[in-house]
């Protein structure tokens, strides 16, 4: 992949961050373009999740690698939100 300035960049070293609003706005073609970026090897991160639709069900139709949860979900007085890996839970994961 080559940038406008001519610098070469390996797609697997690139992470595209997109806000929840930009992804889910009606009329936006952003979501339709994500599969072609994923095919190139680009990682996709959803930023500010929880500021608008806040539904994981909406996200199942997009190829998202990382979800960055909006800071308003952090408990008061903390700098981090504690998370647990639930990637193997559910019907397919057997938990």
Foldseek 3Di string as FASTA:
>chain_A
DADPVGDDDQQLVAEAEDEPCQCPPPPHCVQVCQVVSVVSNHAYEYEQQPPPPNDVVVVVSGDHDYYHHHPVPDDPPDDDDDDDDCVLDDDNNPD
